[in-house]
Amino acid sequence: MGAFLLVLLLSFGCGDLCRDQAVAHYAWLFADAGYGHLPRERAGFLIREKDGTLTFAPWKVSDFASAHYRGGVPANTIALVHTHPDFASPWPSARDASVARRLALPVIVVSKDAVTVAMSDGTRRELFGRGWRRLR
């Protein structure tokens, strides 16, 4: 079932954002954020290396409820990824959508209920629904 879902999603154009390597990075980040149980976000950059490998550059841990970053976006970044705690919506916020448009990069939200994305064209969609962690 998971493989079928992955093929279906790839056919809708989520490409690298739905690759196994990406899902592994989402799972690591979600675990680092306490599986949504902590009142804070964790974030980082999803990067496609020259050989096609996906790597992840996490941001420094913040004491704030929301993730913050100062500095330039690393070369070959294909998305910003951050978690939402249990009490927050699994959908990208208006701010997430604004950042996606401003940086021309997808902004991915990882939560217990779903992995969703705000695209740079202003659209929002679900990449994976409930049970997404079983796809790894």
C-alpha atoms as a PDB file:
ATOM      1  CA  MET A   1       0.000   0.000   0.000  1.00  0.00           C
ATOM      2  CA  GLY A   2       2.785   2.463   0.915  1.00  0.00           C
ATOM      3  CA  ALA A   3       4.609   1.840  -2.372  1.00  0.00           C
ATOM      4  CA  PHE A   4       1.363   2.375  -4.313  1.00  0.00           C
ATOM      5  CA  LEU A   5       0.764   5.664  -2.464  1.00  0.00           C
ATOM      6  CA  LEU A   6       4.308   6.803  -3.195  1.00  0.00           C
ATOM      7  CA  VAL A   7       3.920   6.037  -6.924  1.00  0.00           C
ATOM      8  CA  LEU A   8       0.586   7.856  -6.962  1.00  0.00           C
ATOM      9  CA  LEU A   9       2.084  10.927  -5.298  1.00  0.00           C
ATOM     10  CA  LEU A  10       5.072  10.957  -7.627  1.00  0.00           C
ATOM     11  CA  SER A  11       2.695  10.975 -10.576  1.00  0.00           C
ATOM     12  CA  PHE A  12       1.216  14.228  -9.234  1.00  0.00           C
ATOM     13  CA  GLY A  13       4.630  15.865  -9.342  1.00  0.00           C
ATOM     14  CA  CYS A  14       5.969  15.910  -5.798  1.00  0.00           C
ATOM     15  CA  GLY A  15       9.252  14.352  -7.008  1.00  0.00           C
ATOM     16  CA  ASP A  16      12.141  14.803  -4.600  1.00  0.00           C
ATOM     17  CA  LEU A  17       9.799  15.965  -1.823  1.00  0.00           C
ATOM     18  CA  CYS A  18       8.305  12.445  -1.715  1.00  0.00           C
ATOM     19  CA  ARG A  19      11.476  10.369  -2.100  1.00  0.00           C
ATOM     20  CA  ASP A  20      12.385   7.861   0.609  1.00  0.00           C
ATOM     21  CA  GLN A  21      15.403   9.974   1.561  1.00  0.00           C
ATOM     22  CA  ALA A  22      13.152  13.013   2.081  1.00  0.00           C
ATOM     23  CA  VAL A  23      10.719  11.016   4.228  1.00  0.00           C
ATOM     24  CA  ALA A  24      13.654   9.795   6.351  1.00  0.00           C
ATOM     25  CA  HIS A  25      14.708  13.414   6.931  1.00  0.00           C
ATOM     26  CA  TYR A  26      11.125  14.378   7.846  1.00  0.00           C
ATOM     27  CA  ALA A  27      10.982  11.511  10.329  1.00  0.00           C
ATOM     28  CA  TRP A  28      14.330  12.484  11.896  1.00  0.00           C
ATOM     29  CA  LEU A  29      13.220  16.111  12.268  1.00  0.00           C
ATOM     30  CA  PHE A  30       9.867  15.077  13.736  1.00  0.00           C
ATOM     31  CA  ALA A  31      11.626  12.831  16.276  1.00  0.00           C
ATOM     32  CA  ASP A  32      14.012  15.683  17.133  1.00  0.00           C
ATOM     33  CA  ALA A  33      10.960  17.857  17.814  1.00  0.00           C
ATOM     34  CA  GLY A  34       9.631  15.329  20.328  1.00  0.00           C
ATOM     35  CA  TYR A  35       7.102  13.847  17.896  1.00  0.00           C
ATOM     36  CA  GLY A  36       4.997  16.994  18.201  1.00  0.00           C
ATOM     37  CA  HIS A  37       4.688  16.774  21.986  1.00  0.00           C
ATOM     38  CA  LEU A  38       7.036  19.686  22.695  1.00  0.00           C
ATOM     39  CA  PRO A  39       5.792  23.280  22.343  1.00  0.00           C
ATOM     40  CA  ARG A  40       8.409  24.193  19.756  1.00  0.00           C
ATOM     41  CA  GLU A  41       9.186  23.837  16.089  1.00  0.00           C
ATOM     42  CA  ARG A  42      12.318  22.372  14.549  1.00  0.00           C
ATOM     43  CA  ALA A  43      13.394  23.248  11.025  1.00  0.00           C
ATOM     44  CA  GLY A  44      16.030  22.916   8.352  1.00  0.00           C
ATOM     45  CA  PHE A  45      16.856  22.880   4.667  1.00  0.00           C
ATOM     46  CA  LEU A  46      16.274  19.914   2.361  1.00  0.00           C
ATOM     47  CA  ILE A  47      19.162  19.928  -0.120  1.00  0.00           C
ATOM     48  CA  ARG A  48      19.699  18.017  -3.368  1.00  0.00           C
ATOM     49  CA  GLU A  49      23.421  17.367  -3.709  1.00  0.00           C
ATOM     50  CA  LYS A  50      25.091  17.298  -7.134  1.00  0.00           C
ATOM     51  CA  ASP A  51      24.924  13.480  -7.186  1.00  0.00           C
ATOM     52  CA  GLY A  52      21.157  13.585  -6.527  1.00  0.00           C
ATOM     53  CA  THR A  53      21.390  12.566  -2.870  1.00  0.00           C
ATOM     54  CA  LEU A  54      19.059  14.424  -0.524  1.00  0.00           C
ATOM     55  CA  THR A  55      20.681  15.799   2.607  1.00  0.00           C
ATOM     56  CA  PHE A  56      19.294  17.843   5.468  1.00  0.00           C
ATOM     57  CA  ALA A  57      20.813  20.882   7.185  1.00  0.00           C
ATOM     58  CA  PRO A  58      19.003  21.471  10.490  1.00  0.00           C
ATOM     59  CA  TRP A  59      18.697  24.948  11.962  1.00  0.00           C
ATOM     60  CA  LYS A  60      20.024  25.686  15.420  1.00  0.00           C
ATOM     61  CA  VAL A  61      17.606  24.740  18.190  1.00  0.00           C
ATOM     62  CA  SER A  62      15.637  27.701  19.429  1.00  0.00           C
ATOM     63  CA  ASP A  63      13.808  28.236  22.713  1.00  0.00           C
ATOM     64  CA  PHE A  64      10.986  29.834  20.765  1.00  0.00           C
ATOM     65  CA  ALA A  65       7.745  28.102  19.855  1.00  0.00           C
ATOM     66  CA  SER A  66       8.475  28.842  16.204  1.00  0.00           C
ATOM     67  CA  ALA A  67      11.676  28.114  14.294  1.00  0.00           C
ATOM     68  CA  HIS A  68      13.876  31.042  13.239  1.00  0.00           C
ATOM     69  CA  TYR A  69      16.875  31.257  10.932  1.00  0.00           C
ATOM     70  CA  ARG A  70      19.298  34.034  10.078  1.00  0.00           C
ATOM     71  CA  GLY A  71      21.592  33.716   7.107  1.00  0.00           C
ATOM     72  CA  GLY A  72      21.549  32.680   3.494  1.00  0.00           C
ATOM     73  CA  VAL A  73      19.815  29.691   2.032  1.00  0.00           C
ATOM     74  CA  PRO A  74      22.384  26.958   1.263  1.00  0.00           C
ATOM     75  CA  ALA A  75      23.132  26.182  -2.374  1.00  0.00           C
ATOM     76  CA  ASN A  76      20.968  23.455  -3.923  1.00  0.00           C
ATOM     77  CA  THR A  77      18.212  23.841  -1.317  1.00  0.00           C
ATOM     78  CA  ILE A  78      14.962  22.420  -2.676  1.00  0.00           C
ATOM     79  CA  ALA A  79      12.689  23.084   0.340  1.00  0.00           C
ATOM     80  CA  LEU A  80      12.423  24.495   3.833  1.00  0.00           C
ATOM     81  CA  VAL A  81      11.096  21.904   6.281  1.00  0.00           C
ATOM     82  CA  HIS A  82       9.686  22.493   9.747  1.00  0.00           C
ATOM     83  CA  THR A  83       7.558  20.732  12.314  1.00  0.00           C
ATOM     84  CA  HIS A  84       4.295  21.772  13.907  1.00  0.00           C
ATOM     85  CA  PRO A  85       3.495  20.708  17.466  1.00  0.00           C
ATOM     86  CA  ASP A  86       0.374  18.646  18.220  1.00  0.00           C
ATOM     87  CA  PHE A  87      -1.722  21.687  19.115  1.00  0.00           C
ATOM     88  CA  ALA A  88      -1.059  23.408  15.769  1.00  0.00           C
ATOM     89  CA  SER A  89      -2.682  22.773  12.414  1.00  0.00           C
ATOM     90  CA  PRO A  90      -0.867  20.291  10.146  1.00  0.00           C
ATOM     91  CA  TRP A  91      -1.324  22.774   7.275  1.00  0.00           C
ATOM     92  CA  PRO A  92       1.121  25.511   6.297  1.00  0.00           C
ATOM     93  CA  SER A  93       0.276  28.846   7.880  1.00  0.00           C
ATOM     94  CA  ALA A  94      -0.233  32.068   5.949  1.00  0.00           C
ATOM     95  CA  ARG A  95       3.326  32.966   6.977  1.00  0.00           C
ATOM     96  CA  ASP A  96       4.628  29.652   5.598  1.00  0.00           C
ATOM     97  CA  ALA A  97       2.877  30.395   2.288  1.00  0.00           C
ATOM     98  CA  SER A  98       4.368  33.901   2.246  1.00  0.00           C
ATOM     99  CA  VAL A  99       7.881  32.533   2.834  1.00  0.00           C
ATOM    100  CA  ALA A 100       7.384  29.977   0.036  1.00  0.00           C
ATOM    101  CA  ARG A 101       6.410  32.740  -2.394  1.00  0.00           C
ATOM    102  CA  ARG A 102       9.192  35.095  -1.259  1.00  0.00           C
ATOM    103  CA  LEU A 103      11.967  32.483  -1.487  1.00  0.00           C
ATOM    104  CA  ALA A 104      10.476  30.590  -4.451  1.00  0.00           C
ATOM    105  CA  LEU A 105      10.883  27.362  -2.442  1.00  0.00           C
ATOM    106  CA  PRO A 106       8.358  24.890  -1.062  1.00  0.00           C
ATOM    107  CA  VAL A 107       7.794  25.142   2.702  1.00  0.00           C
ATOM    108  CA  ILE A 108       7.020  21.715   4.150  1.00  0.00           C
ATOM    109  CA  VAL A 109       5.184  21.157   7.433  1.00  0.00           C
ATOM    110  CA  VAL A 110       5.760  17.883   9.282  1.00  0.00           C
ATOM    111  CA  SER A 111       3.221  16.894  11.926  1.00  0.00           C
ATOM    112  CA  LYS A 112       1.798  13.731  13.445  1.00  0.00           C
ATOM    113  CA  ASP A 113      -1.222  13.956  11.136  1.00  0.00           C
ATOM    114  CA  ALA A 114       0.399  14.770   7.806  1.00  0.00           C
ATOM    115  CA  VAL A 115       3.268  16.132   5.762  1.00  0.00           C
ATOM    116  CA  THR A 116       1.941  19.152   3.897  1.00  0.00           C
ATOM    117  CA  VAL A 117       3.501  21.800   1.695  1.00  0.00           C
ATOM    118  CA  ALA A 118       3.029  25.415   0.701  1.00  0.00           C
ATOM    119  CA  MET A 119       4.293  25.772  -2.854  1.00  0.00           C
ATOM    120  CA  SER A 120       5.879  28.936  -4.249  1.00  0.00           C
ATOM    121  CA  ASP A 121       2.828  29.481  -6.487  1.00  0.00           C
ATOM    122  CA  GLY A 122       0.613  29.860  -3.398  1.00  0.00           C
ATOM    123  CA  THR A 123      -0.994  26.417  -3.494  1.00  0.00           C
ATOM    124  CA  ARG A 124      -1.047  24.115  -0.485  1.00  0.00           C
ATOM    125  CA  ARG A 125      -1.344  20.345  -0.581  1.00  0.00           C
ATOM    126  CA  GLU A 126      -0.849  17.192   1.392  1.00  0.00           C
ATOM    127  CA  LEU A 127       2.182  15.084   0.491  1.00  0.00           C
ATOM    128  CA  PHE A 128       1.422  12.304   2.995  1.00  0.00           C
ATOM    129  CA  GLY A 129      -1.520  11.789   5.324  1.00  0.00           C
ATOM    130  CA  ARG A 130      -1.928  10.104   8.695  1.00  0.00           C
ATOM    131  CA  GLY A 131       0.446   7.168   9.030  1.00  0.00           C
ATOM    132  CA  TRP A 132       3.124   8.842   6.902  1.00  0.00           C
ATOM    133  CA  ARG A 133       5.932   7.591   9.184  1.00  0.00           C
ATOM    134  CA  ARG A 134       5.179   3.992   8.155  1.00  0.00           C
ATOM    135  CA  LEU A 135       6.322   4.834   4.604  1.00  0.00           C
ATOM    136  CA  ARG A 136       9.993   4.749   5.583  1.00  0.00           C
END
